[in-house]
Amino acid sequence: MTARPAVPSDSAAIAGIYNEGIEDGTATFETRPRTEADILGWFDGRHPVVVVESEGRILAFAATSTYRPRDCYHGVAEFSVYVTRSSRGQGAGRMAMLALCQEAEKAGFWKLLSRVFTDNQASLRLLASLGFRQVGVYEKHGKLDGHWRDVVIVELLISANCR
């Protein structure tokens, strides 16, 4: 497996992996499947997107997005990481996050943060192993399939971690 910055031609593969995550309902509140065109919008020149591939097949991706529009948060990014079902538990998510940390730092970000479903133990373990700290829990943060879901807030100061 190797990690690299994503390019727009990766958009269809990224959409496929993201749509698996949407179908599984274990990692996102999103319910609308994404298209290649949706993913192309991520390539804004500001927010890094990385992929992990093996033998020409994309296995995972990690991406940043805007946290808040205020200038004081210019160096803070939200992140997402997804791994195709057939590759979970094999290190692709770790590799994607390490690459994302490096690319985010190059892009001028000093902090990554996200929210993770409280029962998504695989993601919480991965992020803890990379130095993310749990900040707290948002209770009843959103409904998915008619059920309230709690999320753990995680953050990482990039310069001190992800090396």
N, C-alpha and C. Protein backbone atom coordinates (compact mmCIF):
# COMPACT_ATOMS: atom_id res chain seq x y z
N MET A 1 0.84 -1.18 0.00
CA MET A 1 0.00 0.00 0.00
C MET A 1 0.88 1.24 0.00
N THR A 2 0.41 2.25 -0.72
CA THR A 2 1.09 3.54 -0.72
C THR A 2 0.04 4.65 -0.60
N ALA A 3 0.46 5.74 0.01
CA ALA A 3 -0.41 6.90 0.14
C ALA A 3 0.13 8.00 -0.76
N ARG A 4 -0.81 8.80 -1.26
CA ARG A 4 -0.42 9.93 -2.11
C ARG A 4 -1.53 10.97 -2.08
N PRO A 5 -1.20 12.22 -2.46
CA PRO A 5 -2.26 13.21 -2.61
C PRO A 5 -3.24 12.74 -3.69
N ALA A 6 -4.50 12.94 -3.44
CA ALA A 6 -5.51 12.57 -4.43
C ALA A 6 -5.50 13.57 -5.57
N VAL A 7 -5.99 13.12 -6.71
CA VAL A 7 -6.16 13.98 -7.89
C VAL A 7 -7.61 13.86 -8.32
N PRO A 8 -8.10 14.84 -9.08
CA PRO A 8 -9.51 14.80 -9.47
C PRO A 8 -9.96 13.49 -10.13
N SER A 9 -9.07 12.83 -10.86
CA SER A 9 -9.46 11.57 -11.50
C SER A 9 -9.73 10.45 -10.49
N ASP A 10 -9.40 10.67 -9.21
CA ASP A 10 -9.71 9.69 -8.14
C ASP A 10 -11.14 9.85 -7.63
N SER A 11 -11.85 10.86 -8.09
CA SER A 11 -13.16 11.21 -7.51
C SER A 11 -14.17 10.08 -7.54
N ALA A 12 -14.23 9.32 -8.61
CA ALA A 12 -15.21 8.22 -8.69
C ALA A 12 -14.90 7.17 -7.63
N ALA A 13 -13.64 6.81 -7.47
CA ALA A 13 -13.26 5.81 -6.46
C ALA A 13 -13.54 6.32 -5.06
N ILE A 14 -13.24 7.59 -4.81
CA ILE A 14 -13.49 8.18 -3.49
C ILE A 14 -14.99 8.17 -3.21
N ALA A 15 -15.80 8.54 -4.20
CA ALA A 15 -17.26 8.53 -4.03
C ALA A 15 -17.74 7.11 -3.69
N GLY A 16 -17.19 6.11 -4.34
CA GLY A 16 -17.58 4.73 -4.06
C GLY A 16 -17.28 4.33 -2.62
N ILE A 17 -16.11 4.70 -2.13
CA ILE A 17 -15.74 4.37 -0.75
C ILE A 17 -16.63 5.13 0.23
N TYR A 18 -16.84 6.40 -0.04
CA TYR A 18 -17.69 7.22 0.83
C TYR A 18 -19.11 6.66 0.85
N ASN A 19 -19.60 6.23 -0.29
CA ASN A 19 -20.95 5.68 -0.36
C ASN A 19 -21.08 4.38 0.44
N GLU A 20 -20.02 3.59 0.50
CA GLU A 20 -20.04 2.41 1.39
C GLU A 20 -20.23 2.86 2.83
N GLY A 21 -19.53 3.91 3.23
CA GLY A 21 -19.66 4.43 4.59
C GLY A 21 -21.06 4.96 4.86
N ILE A 22 -21.65 5.60 3.87
CA ILE A 22 -23.02 6.09 4.02
C ILE A 22 -23.98 4.91 4.17
N GLU A 23 -23.82 3.88 3.34
CA GLU A 23 -24.68 2.69 3.41
C GLU A 23 -24.55 1.99 4.75
N ASP A 24 -23.33 1.91 5.28
CA ASP A 24 -23.09 1.20 6.55
C ASP A 24 -23.72 1.92 7.73
N GLY A 25 -23.80 3.24 7.66
CA GLY A 25 -24.40 4.02 8.74
C GLY A 25 -23.63 4.00 10.04
N THR A 26 -22.33 3.73 9.96
CA THR A 26 -21.51 3.66 11.18
C THR A 26 -20.52 4.81 11.33
N ALA A 27 -20.45 5.69 10.32
CA ALA A 27 -19.41 6.71 10.37
C ALA A 27 -19.86 8.10 9.95
N THR A 28 -21.08 8.25 9.48
CA THR A 28 -21.52 9.56 9.02
C THR A 28 -23.03 9.70 9.17
N PHE A 29 -23.46 10.93 9.37
CA PHE A 29 -24.88 11.24 9.38
C PHE A 29 -25.42 11.38 7.95
N GLU A 30 -24.53 11.44 6.99
CA GLU A 30 -24.96 11.60 5.60
C GLU A 30 -25.82 10.41 5.17
N THR A 31 -26.81 10.69 4.36
CA THR A 31 -27.68 9.63 3.83
C THR A 31 -27.78 9.69 2.32
N ARG A 32 -27.38 10.79 1.72
CA ARG A 32 -27.44 10.93 0.26
C ARG A 32 -26.14 10.43 -0.35
N PRO A 33 -26.22 9.45 -1.24
CA PRO A 33 -25.00 8.98 -1.91
C PRO A 33 -24.32 10.12 -2.66
N ARG A 34 -23.02 10.07 -2.71
CA ARG A 34 -22.22 11.09 -3.38
C ARG A 34 -21.87 10.63 -4.79
N THR A 35 -21.74 11.62 -5.66
CA THR A 35 -21.35 11.35 -7.04
C THR A 35 -19.91 11.80 -7.25
N GLU A 36 -19.37 11.42 -8.37
CA GLU A 36 -18.03 11.87 -8.74
C GLU A 36 -18.00 13.40 -8.77
N ALA A 37 -19.06 14.02 -9.28
CA ALA A 37 -19.12 15.50 -9.34
C ALA A 37 -19.09 16.11 -7.95
N ASP A 38 -19.75 15.48 -6.98
CA ASP A 38 -19.71 15.98 -5.61
C ASP A 38 -18.28 16.00 -5.09
N ILE A 39 -17.56 14.93 -5.34
CA ILE A 39 -16.19 14.80 -4.83
C ILE A 39 -15.26 15.79 -5.54
N LEU A 40 -15.49 16.04 -6.82
CA LEU A 40 -14.64 17.00 -7.54
C LEU A 40 -14.63 18.35 -6.84
N GLY A 41 -15.72 18.70 -6.16
CA GLY A 41 -15.78 19.96 -5.43
C GLY A 41 -14.83 20.03 -4.26
N TRP A 42 -14.33 18.89 -3.81
CA TRP A 42 -13.38 18.88 -2.70
C TRP A 42 -12.01 19.42 -3.11
N PHE A 43 -11.70 19.40 -4.38
CA PHE A 43 -10.39 19.82 -4.88
C PHE A 43 -10.40 21.34 -5.06
N ASP A 44 -10.34 22.03 -3.93
CA ASP A 44 -10.47 23.49 -3.93
C ASP A 44 -9.13 24.21 -3.85
N GLY A 45 -8.03 23.47 -3.84
CA GLY A 45 -6.71 24.08 -3.75
C GLY A 45 -6.30 24.46 -2.34
N ARG A 46 -7.17 24.31 -1.39
CA ARG A 46 -6.89 24.66 0.01
C ARG A 46 -6.86 23.43 0.91
N HIS A 47 -7.78 22.50 0.67
CA HIS A 47 -7.97 21.36 1.58
C HIS A 47 -7.39 20.08 1.00
N PRO A 48 -6.42 19.50 1.70
CA PRO A 48 -5.83 18.26 1.21
C PRO A 48 -6.81 17.09 1.21
N VAL A 49 -6.65 16.26 0.19
CA VAL A 49 -7.33 14.98 0.08
C VAL A 49 -6.24 13.98 -0.28
N VAL A 50 -6.21 12.86 0.42
CA VAL A 50 -5.21 11.83 0.13
C VAL A 50 -5.91 10.50 -0.10
N VAL A 51 -5.23 9.62 -0.82
CA VAL A 51 -5.73 8.27 -1.04
C VAL A 51 -4.63 7.27 -0.70
N VAL A 52 -5.07 6.07 -0.38
CA VAL A 52 -4.17 4.93 -0.20
C VAL A 52 -4.56 3.93 -1.27
N GLU A 53 -3.55 3.44 -1.97
CA GLU A 53 -3.84 2.49 -3.04
C GLU A 53 -2.91 1.30 -2.99
N SER A 54 -3.35 0.25 -3.63
CA SER A 54 -2.55 -0.96 -3.78
C SER A 54 -2.87 -1.55 -5.14
N GLU A 55 -1.83 -1.77 -5.91
CA GLU A 55 -1.97 -2.33 -7.25
C GLU A 55 -2.97 -1.55 -8.08
N GLY A 56 -2.91 -0.22 -7.97
CA GLY A 56 -3.77 0.64 -8.77
C GLY A 56 -5.19 0.79 -8.29
N ARG A 57 -5.54 0.15 -7.18
CA ARG A 57 -6.90 0.23 -6.64
C ARG A 57 -6.89 1.09 -5.39
N ILE A 58 -7.79 2.07 -5.32
CA ILE A 58 -7.87 2.94 -4.15
C ILE A 58 -8.62 2.22 -3.05
N LEU A 59 -7.97 2.13 -1.87
CA LEU A 59 -8.51 1.39 -0.73
C LEU A 59 -9.08 2.30 0.34
N ALA A 60 -8.61 3.55 0.40
CA ALA A 60 -9.01 4.46 1.48
C ALA A 60 -8.76 5.88 1.03
N PHE A 61 -9.42 6.80 1.72
CA PHE A 61 -9.13 8.21 1.52
C PHE A 61 -9.30 8.93 2.85
N ALA A 62 -8.66 10.08 2.93
CA ALA A 62 -8.84 11.00 4.05
C ALA A 62 -8.85 12.39 3.45
N ALA A 63 -9.70 13.25 4.00
CA ALA A 63 -9.86 14.58 3.43
C ALA A 63 -10.11 15.60 4.53
N THR A 64 -9.73 16.83 4.26
CA THR A 64 -10.04 17.93 5.16
C THR A 64 -11.12 18.79 4.53
N SER A 65 -11.76 19.56 5.38
CA SER A 65 -12.76 20.53 4.93
C SER A 65 -12.77 21.69 5.91
N THR A 66 -13.48 22.73 5.56
CA THR A 66 -13.53 23.94 6.38
C THR A 66 -14.19 23.65 7.72
N TYR A 67 -13.55 24.10 8.79
CA TYR A 67 -14.13 23.98 10.13
C TYR A 67 -15.15 25.09 10.35
N ARG A 68 -14.72 26.32 10.27
CA ARG A 68 -15.58 27.50 10.42
C ARG A 68 -15.02 28.58 9.50
N PRO A 69 -15.87 29.47 8.99
CA PRO A 69 -15.38 30.48 8.04
C PRO A 69 -14.62 31.66 8.66
N ARG A 70 -14.67 31.82 9.97
CA ARG A 70 -13.99 32.97 10.59
C ARG A 70 -12.48 32.87 10.42
N ASP A 71 -11.82 34.01 10.23
CA ASP A 71 -10.38 34.05 9.99
C ASP A 71 -9.57 33.38 11.10
N CYS A 72 -10.02 33.49 12.34
CA CYS A 72 -9.25 32.93 13.45
C CYS A 72 -9.14 31.41 13.36
N TYR A 73 -10.00 30.77 12.58
CA TYR A 73 -9.99 29.31 12.43
C TYR A 73 -9.35 28.86 11.12
N HIS A 74 -8.65 29.74 10.46
CA HIS A 74 -8.08 29.44 9.15
C HIS A 74 -7.16 28.21 9.17
N GLY A 75 -6.52 27.94 10.29
CA GLY A 75 -5.60 26.81 10.38
C GLY A 75 -6.19 25.57 11.02
N VAL A 76 -7.49 25.56 11.19
CA VAL A 76 -8.19 24.41 11.77
C VAL A 76 -9.03 23.77 10.68
N ALA A 77 -8.91 22.46 10.53
CA ALA A 77 -9.68 21.75 9.50
C ALA A 77 -10.43 20.57 10.11
N GLU A 78 -11.61 20.33 9.61
CA GLU A 78 -12.31 19.09 9.92
C GLU A 78 -11.72 18.02 9.02
N PHE A 79 -11.84 16.78 9.43
CA PHE A 79 -11.33 15.71 8.58
C PHE A 79 -12.31 14.54 8.58
N SER A 80 -12.16 13.73 7.54
CA SER A 80 -12.89 12.47 7.41
C SER A 80 -11.90 11.43 6.90
N VAL A 81 -12.11 10.20 7.31
CA VAL A 81 -11.31 9.09 6.78
C VAL A 81 -12.23 7.91 6.57
N TYR A 82 -12.13 7.28 5.41
CA TYR A 82 -12.96 6.14 5.06
C TYR A 82 -12.12 5.08 4.37
N VAL A 83 -12.44 3.84 4.65
CA VAL A 83 -11.74 2.70 4.07
C VAL A 83 -12.77 1.79 3.42
N THR A 84 -12.47 1.31 2.23
CA THR A 84 -13.38 0.39 1.57
C THR A 84 -13.59 -0.85 2.44
N ARG A 85 -14.78 -1.40 2.42
CA ARG A 85 -15.13 -2.53 3.30
C ARG A 85 -14.09 -3.65 3.24
N SER A 86 -13.66 -3.99 2.05
CA SER A 86 -12.76 -5.14 1.88
C SER A 86 -11.35 -4.89 2.41
N SER A 87 -11.04 -3.65 2.76
CA SER A 87 -9.68 -3.32 3.22
C SER A 87 -9.63 -2.87 4.67
N ARG A 88 -10.74 -2.87 5.36
CA ARG A 88 -10.75 -2.40 6.75
C ARG A 88 -9.92 -3.33 7.64
N GLY A 89 -9.27 -2.72 8.61
CA GLY A 89 -8.46 -3.49 9.56
C GLY A 89 -7.10 -3.89 9.03
N GLN A 90 -6.68 -3.34 7.91
CA GLN A 90 -5.41 -3.72 7.30
C GLN A 90 -4.38 -2.59 7.26
N GLY A 91 -4.68 -1.49 7.93
CA GLY A 91 -3.73 -0.38 8.01
C GLY A 91 -3.93 0.73 7.00
N ALA A 92 -4.91 0.62 6.13
CA ALA A 92 -5.12 1.65 5.11
C ALA A 92 -5.60 2.96 5.75
N GLY A 93 -6.44 2.87 6.76
CA GLY A 93 -6.92 4.07 7.44
C GLY A 93 -5.79 4.81 8.14
N ARG A 94 -4.93 4.07 8.80
CA ARG A 94 -3.76 4.67 9.47
C ARG A 94 -2.87 5.37 8.45
N MET A 95 -2.60 4.68 7.35
CA MET A 95 -1.74 5.26 6.32
C MET A 95 -2.38 6.53 5.75
N ALA A 96 -3.68 6.50 5.53
CA ALA A 96 -4.36 7.68 5.01
C ALA A 96 -4.27 8.85 5.99
N MET A 97 -4.47 8.59 7.26
CA MET A 97 -4.42 9.66 8.26
C MET A 97 -3.02 10.22 8.42
N LEU A 98 -2.01 9.38 8.39
CA LEU A 98 -0.64 9.89 8.48
C LEU A 98 -0.32 10.78 7.29
N ALA A 99 -0.74 10.36 6.10
CA ALA A 99 -0.51 11.18 4.91
C ALA A 99 -1.31 12.48 4.99
N LEU A 100 -2.54 12.40 5.49
CA LEU A 100 -3.35 13.61 5.60
C LEU A 100 -2.73 14.60 6.57
N CYS A 101 -2.21 14.11 7.68
CA CYS A 101 -1.55 15.00 8.65
C CYS A 101 -0.40 15.75 7.98
N GLN A 102 0.41 15.04 7.23
CA GLN A 102 1.55 15.67 6.56
C GLN A 102 1.09 16.71 5.55
N GLU A 103 0.09 16.35 4.75
CA GLU A 103 -0.40 17.28 3.74
C GLU A 103 -1.11 18.48 4.38
N ALA A 104 -1.83 18.24 5.46
CA ALA A 104 -2.52 19.33 6.16
C ALA A 104 -1.50 20.32 6.73
N GLU A 105 -0.43 19.80 7.30
CA GLU A 105 0.60 20.70 7.84
C GLU A 105 1.23 21.52 6.71
N LYS A 106 1.52 20.88 5.57
CA LYS A 106 2.08 21.61 4.43
C LYS A 106 1.13 22.71 3.96
N ALA A 107 -0.16 22.47 4.09
CA ALA A 107 -1.18 23.42 3.64
C ALA A 107 -1.43 24.54 4.66
N GLY A 108 -0.72 24.48 5.80
CA GLY A 108 -0.83 25.54 6.79
C GLY A 108 -1.81 25.29 7.92
N PHE A 109 -2.31 24.08 8.03
CA PHE A 109 -3.22 23.76 9.14
C PHE A 109 -2.40 23.37 10.37
N TRP A 110 -2.87 23.75 11.54
CA TRP A 110 -2.20 23.36 12.79
C TRP A 110 -3.06 22.42 13.62
N LYS A 111 -4.32 22.27 13.26
CA LYS A 111 -5.20 21.41 14.04
C LYS A 111 -6.19 20.70 13.12
N LEU A 112 -6.41 19.40 13.42
CA LEU A 112 -7.45 18.62 12.77
C LEU A 112 -8.47 18.23 13.82
N LEU A 113 -9.73 18.24 13.44
CA LEU A 113 -10.76 17.79 14.38
C LEU A 113 -11.90 17.12 13.63
N SER A 114 -12.65 16.32 14.38
CA SER A 114 -13.80 15.64 13.82
C SER A 114 -14.71 15.18 14.93
N ARG A 115 -15.78 14.57 14.53
CA ARG A 115 -16.72 13.94 15.45
C ARG A 115 -16.89 12.50 15.00
N VAL A 116 -16.85 11.56 15.95
CA VAL A 116 -16.90 10.13 15.64
C VAL A 116 -18.03 9.53 16.46
N PHE A 117 -18.87 8.70 15.82
CA PHE A 117 -19.92 8.03 16.57
C PHE A 117 -19.31 7.29 17.76
N THR A 118 -19.96 7.38 18.90
CA THR A 118 -19.42 6.79 20.13
C THR A 118 -19.21 5.28 20.01
N ASP A 119 -19.97 4.62 19.15
CA ASP A 119 -19.82 3.16 19.02
C ASP A 119 -18.86 2.76 17.89
N ASN A 120 -18.24 3.73 17.25
CA ASN A 120 -17.28 3.42 16.18
C ASN A 120 -15.90 3.22 16.82
N GLN A 121 -15.76 2.12 17.52
CA GLN A 121 -14.54 1.85 18.28
C GLN A 121 -13.31 1.72 17.40
N ALA A 122 -13.44 1.18 16.20
CA ALA A 122 -12.28 1.04 15.32
C ALA A 122 -11.69 2.42 15.01
N SER A 123 -12.54 3.38 14.66
CA SER A 123 -12.04 4.73 14.37
C SER A 123 -11.48 5.41 15.60
N LEU A 124 -12.15 5.25 16.73
CA LEU A 124 -11.65 5.87 17.96
C LEU A 124 -10.29 5.30 18.36
N ARG A 125 -10.09 3.99 18.20
CA ARG A 125 -8.79 3.39 18.51
C ARG A 125 -7.71 3.90 17.56
N LEU A 126 -8.05 3.96 16.27
CA LEU A 126 -7.09 4.46 15.29
C LEU A 126 -6.66 5.88 15.63
N LEU A 127 -7.62 6.74 15.87
CA LEU A 127 -7.30 8.14 16.13
C LEU A 127 -6.51 8.30 17.42
N ALA A 128 -6.86 7.55 18.46
CA ALA A 128 -6.09 7.61 19.71
C ALA A 128 -4.65 7.18 19.48
N SER A 129 -4.45 6.16 18.65
CA SER A 129 -3.09 5.68 18.39
C SER A 129 -2.25 6.70 17.62
N LEU A 130 -2.91 7.65 16.97
CA LEU A 130 -2.22 8.70 16.22
C LEU A 130 -2.04 9.97 17.02
N GLY A 131 -2.51 9.96 18.27
CA GLY A 131 -2.32 11.12 19.13
C GLY A 131 -3.52 12.03 19.26
N PHE A 132 -4.63 11.69 18.62
CA PHE A 132 -5.85 12.49 18.79
C PHE A 132 -6.34 12.35 20.22
N ARG A 133 -6.84 13.44 20.76
CA ARG A 133 -7.40 13.38 22.10
C ARG A 133 -8.91 13.58 22.00
N GLN A 134 -9.60 12.92 22.92
CA GLN A 134 -11.04 13.08 23.00
C GLN A 134 -11.35 14.31 23.83
N VAL A 135 -12.09 15.24 23.24
CA VAL A 135 -12.40 16.50 23.88
C VAL A 135 -13.69 16.40 24.69
N GLY A 136 -14.62 15.62 24.21
CA GLY A 136 -15.90 15.48 24.89
C GLY A 136 -16.88 14.74 24.01
N VAL A 137 -18.13 14.72 24.45
CA VAL A 137 -19.18 14.02 23.72
C VAL A 137 -20.33 14.99 23.48
N TYR A 138 -20.77 15.05 22.25
CA TYR A 138 -22.01 15.74 21.92
C TYR A 138 -23.12 14.69 22.02
N GLU A 139 -24.04 14.90 22.94
CA GLU A 139 -25.16 13.98 23.08
C GLU A 139 -26.26 14.37 22.10
N LYS A 140 -26.96 13.37 21.58
CA LYS A 140 -28.05 13.60 20.63
C LYS A 140 -27.62 14.60 19.56
N HIS A 141 -26.48 14.36 18.97
CA HIS A 141 -25.92 15.30 17.99
C HIS A 141 -26.72 15.30 16.69
N GLY A 142 -27.28 14.17 16.35
CA GLY A 142 -28.09 14.08 15.14
C GLY A 142 -28.83 12.76 15.12
N LYS A 143 -29.84 12.71 14.25
CA LYS A 143 -30.60 11.48 14.09
C LYS A 143 -30.16 10.78 12.81
N LEU A 144 -30.07 9.46 12.91
CA LEU A 144 -29.76 8.63 11.77
C LEU A 144 -30.73 7.46 11.82
N ASP A 145 -31.46 7.27 10.77
CA ASP A 145 -32.49 6.21 10.73
C ASP A 145 -33.45 6.32 11.90
N GLY A 146 -33.79 7.54 12.27
CA GLY A 146 -34.76 7.77 13.32
C GLY A 146 -34.24 7.63 14.74
N HIS A 147 -32.93 7.39 14.89
CA HIS A 147 -32.34 7.20 16.22
C HIS A 147 -31.32 8.30 16.49
N TRP A 148 -31.37 8.85 17.72
CA TRP A 148 -30.37 9.84 18.13
C TRP A 148 -29.02 9.17 18.22
N ARG A 149 -27.99 9.88 17.77
CA ARG A 149 -26.62 9.38 17.85
C ARG A 149 -25.76 10.40 18.59
N ASP A 150 -24.92 9.89 19.49
CA ASP A 150 -23.93 10.70 20.18
C ASP A 150 -22.61 10.60 19.41
N VAL A 151 -21.81 11.64 19.52
CA VAL A 151 -20.51 11.64 18.86
C VAL A 151 -19.42 12.12 19.82
N VAL A 152 -18.24 11.57 19.65
CA VAL A 152 -17.06 11.98 20.41
C VAL A 152 -16.33 13.03 19.58
N ILE A 153 -15.98 14.13 20.20
CA ILE A 153 -15.20 15.17 19.54
C ILE A 153 -13.73 14.81 19.72
N VAL A 154 -12.98 14.78 18.62
CA VAL A 154 -11.54 14.48 18.68
C VAL A 154 -10.78 15.61 18.02
N GLU A 155 -9.56 15.85 18.52
CA GLU A 155 -8.70 16.87 17.94
C GLU A 155 -7.25 16.43 18.01
N LEU A 156 -6.48 17.02 17.11
CA LEU A 156 -5.04 16.75 17.05
C LEU A 156 -4.32 18.04 16.70
N LEU A 157 -3.33 18.40 17.52
CA LEU A 157 -2.42 19.48 17.15
C LEU A 157 -1.35 18.86 16.26
N ILE A 158 -1.34 19.22 15.03
CA ILE A 158 -0.54 18.51 14.02
C ILE A 158 0.95 18.55 14.31
N SER A 159 1.50 19.69 14.65
CA SER A 159 2.95 19.81 14.80
C SER A 159 3.51 18.94 15.91
N ALA A 160 2.70 18.57 16.86
CA ALA A 160 3.17 17.74 17.98
C ALA A 160 2.94 16.25 17.74
N ASN A 161 2.28 15.89 16.66
CA ASN A 161 1.88 14.50 16.43
C ASN A 161 2.02 14.13 14.97
N CYS A 162 1.55 12.94 14.64
CA CYS A 162 1.50 12.45 13.24
C CYS A 162 2.86 12.46 12.56
N ARG A 163 3.84 12.00 13.23
CA ARG A 163 5.17 11.96 12.62
C ARG A 163 5.57 10.53 12.32
